[in-house]
Amino acid sequence: MKQKIGIIGLGNMGSAFYQRLETILPAEQLFGYDKSGGSKLEMKNKVESVQELIDKVEVVILAVKPQSLSDLAVELEGSCQNRLVISMLAGVSVAKLQDALIAERVIRCMPNLPIKVGKGVTGWIASVEATNEDKKLAQKIFSSFGYQVKVSNENMLDVVTALSGSGPAYYFYLCQILTAWAREMGFNEEEARAIAENTFRGAAKLMEPGDMSSEDWVQAVASKGGTTEAALKSFAQDKLDEIVTRGLEEAKKKSKELSG
């Protein structure tokens, strides 16, 4: 990877992108800019303006909030025209990005926060004008973050957004519930958190080889007539699957709304 890459926006996701790219790129190929100036990242190539960043790179990664696109487009003044733009702006379509930035070679992606540790999921799609080299570069970048999948249409990115983009928060939320119950049962905060969090870590580690499905693992834990089966029956009676599915549908709907 010889191209110089610049990241605009260094919040949670932008910082995660930067930190991961640091592991695969020489320092002189990576640049970052954050308008707020509040980033705590230690960058060797921090720049002072959007235009300074653009002048130094061939690939521009947009990690700002979707509602900031219009203001950013004014700052960029069409300077992305001959560069590859990779956008992680939730709900902002390829066509809208091309129009706002006066850019043709655009890749829209939806990563999630675990890219920070190389265990993320990134769904992506490229504009018709993006070259094969552009797509190979994007695939190489996203593969370094964890699992990557090129989707067939932008509607599928709304699904990726609901499923994996927001997905880590669902696990954290369930961990909160387990922790709260453990506290009610008499464990102190430190013990309750440790039990809940290490249960999740252990379960995730078991699934890593990928030779068994989640359904297989449920069956492996749930002995007939045992405690796990009792809990699972209660979840089924309360239609937990429908509750989760409704949440996923709401997240997908919101993603579509953001795309206008």
Foldseek 3Di string as FASTA:
>chain_A
DPWAEEEEACDLVSVLLQLLVPVVDDLLRYEYEYPVPPDPDDHPHYDDAPVVRLVRGQEYEYDDELVCLQVVLVRCVLSCARHAYEYAHFLADPVNNCVSNVHQWYKYKQKANQLSVLAIEMEIETGPPHDPVNVVVVVVSRNSSHHYYYDDDVLVRLLCCLPGRCPVVVLVVVLVVQLVVVVVVPDDNVVSSCVSVVVVVVVVVVCVVVPDDPVRVLVVPDDVPDDSVVVVVVCVVVPVVVVSVVSSVVSSVVSNVSND
